[in-house]
Amino acid sequence: MAVPCLLTAWQAHVGELRAYLHRHGAPADEVDDVLQEVFIKALRQDAKFCRIENARAWLFEVTRNALLDRLRRSREHVELPADIPAPGAEAAPVVDALSQCLPRVLSELSAADRLAITLCDLEGQTQQVLAERLGISLPGAKSRLQRARRRLRAQLVSACQVRFDADGEVCCFVPRPPLADSGES
């Protein structure tokens, strides 16, 4: 059984709620359904509804939320074909081929840059391990690794003519043969 304060508030505001739904895109054949949902939610409040400070504001908020939920559920979904490549999938072969150029470019970097990139980026060690190995602070190791990465990138651009697309992804390069083993370690 509905509490009297709910019935009074409902009768006072149902016309405004109906107009609100029409103005805000509720399909005409669903307006009564949305209003019914709102009324049931208000009924579930039972005596708590009478303690709501602004019944009109509460009814409008619940109506708005019910409408948004209904509009979200009715949104059309288009099934995507299974053969669409994942984003960045077409760049993988280019990046894999770029690994041919990496040993040569790494050998052209300083020993400190080579150590930072090899340890953190190729071997997957943490920057803390780099800091301990070099006997420096963690922020110092982070800075050193970032500088080494910038120099590696510049060397890849210079030595292998690496180019990047608009998203910053490697798009193409000119391969360079690896250096012949010169006995360097």
C-alpha atoms as a PDB file:
ATOM      1  CA  MET A   1       0.000   0.000   0.000  1.00  0.00           C
ATOM      2  CA  ALA A   2       1.358   3.389  -0.992  1.00  0.00           C
ATOM      3  CA  VAL A   3       1.993   5.911   1.711  1.00  0.00           C
ATOM      4  CA  PRO A   4      -0.132   9.073   1.418  1.00  0.00           C
ATOM      5  CA  CYS A   5       2.869  11.399   0.983  1.00  0.00           C
ATOM      6  CA  LEU A   6       3.975   9.357  -2.070  1.00  0.00           C
ATOM      7  CA  LEU A   7       0.529   9.513  -3.649  1.00  0.00           C
ATOM      8  CA  THR A   8       0.350  13.258  -3.054  1.00  0.00           C
ATOM      9  CA  ALA A   9       3.816  13.863  -4.543  1.00  0.00           C
ATOM     10  CA  TRP A  10       3.108  11.546  -7.469  1.00  0.00           C
ATOM     11  CA  GLN A  11      -0.153  13.252  -8.364  1.00  0.00           C
ATOM     12  CA  ALA A  12       1.498  16.662  -8.077  1.00  0.00           C
ATOM     13  CA  HIS A  13       4.443  15.832 -10.369  1.00  0.00           C
ATOM     14  CA  VAL A  14       3.495  12.993 -12.748  1.00  0.00           C
ATOM     15  CA  GLY A  15       2.461  15.485 -15.444  1.00  0.00           C
ATOM     16  CA  GLU A  16       5.845  17.244 -15.252  1.00  0.00           C
ATOM     17  CA  LEU A  17       7.656  13.887 -15.306  1.00  0.00           C
ATOM     18  CA  ARG A  18       5.707  12.833 -18.415  1.00  0.00           C
ATOM     19  CA  ALA A  19       6.571  16.124 -20.170  1.00  0.00           C
ATOM     20  CA  TYR A  20      10.225  15.734 -19.130  1.00  0.00           C
ATOM     21  CA  LEU A  21      10.367  12.259 -20.675  1.00  0.00           C
ATOM     22  CA  HIS A  22       8.863  13.477 -23.949  1.00  0.00           C
ATOM     23  CA  ARG A  23      11.300  16.420 -24.114  1.00  0.00           C
ATOM     24  CA  HIS A  24      14.339  14.251 -23.390  1.00  0.00           C
ATOM     25  CA  GLY A  25      13.921  11.597 -26.051  1.00  0.00           C
ATOM     26  CA  ALA A  26      11.891   8.866 -24.418  1.00  0.00           C
ATOM     27  CA  PRO A  27      10.125   6.859 -27.120  1.00  0.00           C
ATOM     28  CA  ALA A  28       6.411   7.728 -26.903  1.00  0.00           C
ATOM     29  CA  ASP A  29       5.425   4.092 -26.436  1.00  0.00           C
ATOM     30  CA  GLU A  30       7.809   3.752 -23.450  1.00  0.00           C
ATOM     31  CA  VAL A  31       6.913   6.848 -21.415  1.00  0.00           C
ATOM     32  CA  ASP A  32       4.322   5.005 -19.328  1.00  0.00           C
ATOM     33  CA  ASP A  33       6.766   2.149 -18.732  1.00  0.00           C
ATOM     34  CA  VAL A  34       9.422   4.544 -17.435  1.00  0.00           C
ATOM     35  CA  LEU A  35       6.881   6.256 -15.195  1.00  0.00           C
ATOM     36  CA  GLN A  36       5.824   2.877 -13.849  1.00  0.00           C
ATOM     37  CA  GLU A  37       9.472   2.028 -13.030  1.00  0.00           C
ATOM     38  CA  VAL A  38       9.831   5.322 -11.177  1.00  0.00           C
ATOM     39  CA  PHE A  39       6.612   4.790  -9.230  1.00  0.00           C
ATOM     40  CA  ILE A  40       7.712   1.286  -8.202  1.00  0.00           C
ATOM     41  CA  LYS A  41      11.084   2.636  -7.016  1.00  0.00           C
ATOM     42  CA  ALA A  42       9.245   5.246  -4.995  1.00  0.00           C
ATOM     43  CA  LEU A  43       6.938   2.570  -3.547  1.00  0.00           C
ATOM     44  CA  ARG A  44       9.965   0.567  -2.439  1.00  0.00           C
ATOM     45  CA  GLN A  45      11.058   3.540  -0.379  1.00  0.00           C
ATOM     46  CA  ASP A  46       7.887   3.020   1.718  1.00  0.00           C
ATOM     47  CA  ALA A  47       7.843   5.385   4.710  1.00  0.00           C
ATOM     48  CA  LYS A  48      11.357   6.639   3.860  1.00  0.00           C
ATOM     49  CA  PHE A  49       9.803   8.470   0.915  1.00  0.00           C
ATOM     50  CA  CYS A  50       8.036  10.807   3.377  1.00  0.00           C
ATOM     51  CA  ARG A  51      11.419  11.770   4.864  1.00  0.00           C
ATOM     52  CA  ILE A  52      12.848  12.813   1.486  1.00  0.00           C
ATOM     53  CA  GLU A  53      13.408  16.539   1.756  1.00  0.00           C
ATOM     54  CA  ASN A  54      12.539  17.380  -1.862  1.00  0.00           C
ATOM     55  CA  ALA A  55      10.242  14.706  -3.312  1.00  0.00           C
ATOM     56  CA  ARG A  56      10.030  16.493  -6.686  1.00  0.00           C
ATOM     57  CA  ALA A  57      13.824  16.548  -7.111  1.00  0.00           C
ATOM     58  CA  TRP A  58      14.029  12.862  -6.086  1.00  0.00           C
ATOM     59  CA  LEU A  59      11.335  11.892  -8.613  1.00  0.00           C
ATOM     60  CA  PHE A  60      13.065  13.814 -11.393  1.00  0.00           C
ATOM     61  CA  GLU A  61      16.456  12.262 -10.603  1.00  0.00           C
ATOM     62  CA  VAL A  62      15.029   8.738 -10.582  1.00  0.00           C
ATOM     63  CA  THR A  63      13.134   9.480 -13.810  1.00  0.00           C
ATOM     64  CA  ARG A  64      16.263  10.804 -15.506  1.00  0.00           C
ATOM     65  CA  ASN A  65      18.278   7.745 -14.437  1.00  0.00           C
ATOM     66  CA  ALA A  66      15.543   5.335 -15.555  1.00  0.00           C
ATOM     67  CA  LEU A  67      15.388   7.052 -18.956  1.00  0.00           C
ATOM     68  CA  LEU A  68      19.171   6.959 -19.389  1.00  0.00           C
ATOM     69  CA  ASP A  69      19.258   3.263 -18.460  1.00  0.00           C
ATOM     70  CA  ARG A  70      16.521   2.502 -20.965  1.00  0.00           C
ATOM     71  CA  LEU A  71      18.224   4.517 -23.729  1.00  0.00           C
ATOM     72  CA  ARG A  72      21.552   2.755 -23.080  1.00  0.00           C
ATOM     73  CA  ARG A  73      19.920  -0.665 -23.293  1.00  0.00           C
ATOM     74  CA  SER A  74      18.156   0.205 -26.537  1.00  0.00           C
ATOM     75  CA  ARG A  75      21.282   1.532 -28.270  1.00  0.00           C
ATOM     76  CA  GLU A  76      22.013  -0.359 -31.477  1.00  0.00           C
ATOM     77  CA  HIS A  77      25.084  -2.571 -31.463  1.00  0.00           C
ATOM     78  CA  VAL A  78      26.875  -3.600 -34.604  1.00  0.00           C
ATOM     79  CA  GLU A  79      28.739  -6.904 -34.603  1.00  0.00           C
ATOM     80  CA  LEU A  80      32.310  -6.501 -35.864  1.00  0.00           C
ATOM     81  CA  PRO A  81      33.728  -9.012 -38.323  1.00  0.00           C
ATOM     82  CA  ALA A  82      36.200 -11.488 -36.805  1.00  0.00           C
ATOM     83  CA  ASP A  83      38.891 -10.745 -39.406  1.00  0.00           C
ATOM     84  CA  ILE A  84      39.505  -7.114 -38.360  1.00  0.00           C
ATOM     85  CA  PRO A  85      43.169  -6.826 -37.295  1.00  0.00           C
ATOM     86  CA  ALA A  86      43.938  -5.601 -33.809  1.00  0.00           C
ATOM     87  CA  PRO A  87      45.171  -1.988 -33.566  1.00  0.00           C
ATOM     88  CA  GLY A  88      48.881  -1.876 -34.302  1.00  0.00           C
ATOM     89  CA  ALA A  89      48.914  -5.447 -35.659  1.00  0.00           C
ATOM     90  CA  GLU A  90      50.124  -4.290 -39.055  1.00  0.00           C
ATOM     91  CA  ALA A  91      53.194  -2.645 -37.458  1.00  0.00           C
ATOM     92  CA  ALA A  92      54.412  -5.890 -35.835  1.00  0.00           C
ATOM     93  CA  PRO A  93      56.263  -7.217 -38.930  1.00  0.00           C
ATOM     94  CA  VAL A  94      58.054  -3.869 -39.328  1.00  0.00           C
ATOM     95  CA  VAL A  95      59.084  -3.839 -35.683  1.00  0.00           C
ATOM     96  CA  ASP A  96      60.202  -7.484 -35.864  1.00  0.00           C
ATOM     97  CA  ALA A  97      62.305  -6.707 -38.932  1.00  0.00           C
ATOM     98  CA  LEU A  98      63.747  -3.687 -37.136  1.00  0.00           C
ATOM     99  CA  SER A  99      65.369  -6.070 -34.655  1.00  0.00           C
ATOM    100  CA  GLN A 100      67.922  -6.776 -37.428  1.00  0.00           C
ATOM    101  CA  CYS A 101      69.140  -3.206 -37.081  1.00  0.00           C
ATOM    102  CA  LEU A 102      69.091  -3.086 -33.271  1.00  0.00           C
ATOM    103  CA  PRO A 103      72.352  -4.962 -32.497  1.00  0.00           C
ATOM    104  CA  ARG A 104      74.330  -2.692 -34.793  1.00  0.00           C
ATOM    105  CA  VAL A 105      72.761   0.489 -33.403  1.00  0.00           C
ATOM    106  CA  LEU A 106      73.249  -0.705 -29.814  1.00  0.00           C
ATOM    107  CA  SER A 107      76.933  -1.318 -30.531  1.00  0.00           C
ATOM    108  CA  GLU A 108      77.240   2.308 -31.661  1.00  0.00           C
ATOM    109  CA  LEU A 109      75.939   3.643 -28.315  1.00  0.00           C
ATOM    110  CA  SER A 110      78.114   4.340 -25.292  1.00  0.00           C
ATOM    111  CA  ALA A 111      78.676   1.472 -22.858  1.00  0.00           C
ATOM    112  CA  ALA A 112      76.508   3.204 -20.220  1.00  0.00           C
ATOM    113  CA  ASP A 113      73.587   3.672 -22.644  1.00  0.00           C
ATOM    114  CA  ARG A 114      73.960   0.106 -23.903  1.00  0.00           C
ATOM    115  CA  LEU A 115      73.917  -1.239 -20.320  1.00  0.00           C
ATOM    116  CA  ALA A 116      70.780   0.752 -19.379  1.00  0.00           C
ATOM    117  CA  ILE A 117      68.818  -0.334 -22.463  1.00  0.00           C
ATOM    118  CA  THR A 118      69.993  -3.939 -22.380  1.00  0.00           C
ATOM    119  CA  LEU A 119      69.318  -4.364 -18.671  1.00  0.00           C
ATOM    120  CA  CYS A 120      65.915  -2.624 -18.467  1.00  0.00           C
ATOM    121  CA  ASP A 121      64.388  -2.857 -21.942  1.00  0.00           C
ATOM    122  CA  LEU A 122      65.809  -6.073 -23.344  1.00  0.00           C
ATOM    123  CA  GLU A 123      66.297  -8.175 -20.213  1.00  0.00           C
ATOM    124  CA  GLY A 124      63.277  -6.751 -18.360  1.00  0.00           C
ATOM    125  CA  GLN A 125      65.114  -5.783 -15.176  1.00  0.00           C
ATOM    126  CA  THR A 126      63.741  -2.972 -13.028  1.00  0.00           C
ATOM    127  CA  GLN A 127      65.207   0.498 -12.939  1.00  0.00           C
ATOM    128  CA  GLN A 128      66.087  -0.194  -9.287  1.00  0.00           C
ATOM    129  CA  VAL A 129      68.395  -3.007 -10.478  1.00  0.00           C
ATOM    130  CA  LEU A 130      70.030  -0.531 -12.880  1.00  0.00           C
ATOM    131  CA  ALA A 131      70.471   1.955 -10.024  1.00  0.00           C
ATOM    132  CA  GLU A 132      72.109  -0.670  -7.810  1.00  0.00           C
ATOM    133  CA  ARG A 133      74.361  -1.881 -10.637  1.00  0.00           C
ATOM    134  CA  LEU A 134      75.549   1.669 -11.335  1.00  0.00           C
ATOM    135  CA  GLY A 135      75.666   2.708  -7.669  1.00  0.00           C
ATOM    136  CA  ILE A 136      73.301   5.654  -8.208  1.00  0.00           C
ATOM    137  CA  SER A 137      69.879   6.700  -6.905  1.00  0.00           C
ATOM    138  CA  LEU A 138      66.655   5.402  -8.459  1.00  0.00           C
ATOM    139  CA  PRO A 139      65.762   8.860  -9.884  1.00  0.00           C
ATOM    140  CA  GLY A 140      69.272   9.017 -11.360  1.00  0.00           C
ATOM    141  CA  ALA A 141      68.804   5.602 -12.987  1.00  0.00           C
ATOM    142  CA  LYS A 142      65.432   6.655 -14.398  1.00  0.00           C
ATOM    143  CA  SER A 143      66.968   9.785 -15.920  1.00  0.00           C
ATOM    144  CA  ARG A 144      69.891   7.825 -17.332  1.00  0.00           C
ATOM    145  CA  LEU A 145      67.561   5.260 -18.930  1.00  0.00           C
ATOM    146  CA  GLN A 146      65.379   7.977 -20.472  1.00  0.00           C
ATOM    147  CA  ARG A 147      68.427   9.708 -21.959  1.00  0.00           C
ATOM    148  CA  ALA A 148      69.712   6.369 -23.291  1.00  0.00           C
ATOM    149  CA  ARG A 149      66.327   5.686 -24.920  1.00  0.00           C
ATOM    150  CA  ARG A 150      66.364   9.124 -26.586  1.00  0.00           C
ATOM    151  CA  ARG A 151      69.885   8.493 -27.932  1.00  0.00           C
ATOM    152  CA  LEU A 152      68.869   5.007 -29.133  1.00  0.00           C
ATOM    153  CA  ARG A 153      65.875   6.465 -30.951  1.00  0.00           C
ATOM    154  CA  ALA A 154      68.018   9.185 -32.552  1.00  0.00           C
ATOM    155  CA  GLN A 155      70.578   6.559 -33.609  1.00  0.00           C
ATOM    156  CA  LEU A 156      67.837   4.344 -35.102  1.00  0.00           C
ATOM    157  CA  VAL A 157      66.531   7.330 -37.084  1.00  0.00           C
ATOM    158  CA  SER A 158      70.021   8.243 -38.245  1.00  0.00           C
ATOM    159  CA  ALA A 159      71.527   4.835 -38.920  1.00  0.00           C
ATOM    160  CA  CYS A 160      68.483   2.885 -40.134  1.00  0.00           C
ATOM    161  CA  GLN A 161      66.325   5.760 -41.410  1.00  0.00           C
ATOM    162  CA  VAL A 162      63.519   4.687 -39.079  1.00  0.00           C
ATOM    163  CA  ARG A 163      60.341   6.705 -39.676  1.00  0.00           C
ATOM    164  CA  PHE A 164      57.292   6.981 -37.471  1.00  0.00           C
ATOM    165  CA  ASP A 165      53.618   7.351 -38.355  1.00  0.00           C
ATOM    166  CA  ALA A 166      51.240   9.956 -36.910  1.00  0.00           C
ATOM    167  CA  ASP A 167      50.733   7.798 -33.791  1.00  0.00           C
ATOM    168  CA  GLY A 168      54.468   7.595 -33.111  1.00  0.00           C
ATOM    169  CA  GLU A 169      54.648   3.942 -34.201  1.00  0.00           C
ATOM    170  CA  VAL A 170      57.490   2.652 -36.371  1.00  0.00           C
ATOM    171  CA  CYS A 171      56.228   2.511 -39.942  1.00  0.00           C
ATOM    172  CA  CYS A 172      59.331   1.795 -41.984  1.00  0.00           C
ATOM    173  CA  PHE A 173      63.141   1.755 -42.039  1.00  0.00           C
ATOM    174  CA  VAL A 174      66.159   0.856 -44.168  1.00  0.00           C
ATOM    175  CA  PRO A 175      67.804  -2.328 -42.859  1.00  0.00           C
ATOM    176  CA  ARG A 176      71.525  -2.293 -42.125  1.00  0.00           C
ATOM    177  CA  PRO A 177      73.527  -5.468 -41.895  1.00  0.00           C
ATOM    178  CA  PRO A 178      74.898  -6.335 -38.464  1.00  0.00           C
ATOM    179  CA  LEU A 179      78.531  -5.474 -37.825  1.00  0.00           C
ATOM    180  CA  ALA A 180      80.977  -8.281 -38.404  1.00  0.00           C
ATOM    181  CA  ASP A 181      82.243  -9.625 -35.103  1.00  0.00           C
ATOM    182  CA  SER A 182      85.193  -7.389 -34.375  1.00  0.00           C
ATOM    183  CA  GLY A 183      86.052  -9.061 -31.106  1.00  0.00           C
ATOM    184  CA  GLU A 184      84.468  -6.263 -29.033  1.00  0.00           C
ATOM    185  CA  SER A 185      82.652  -7.195 -25.835  1.00  0.00           C
END
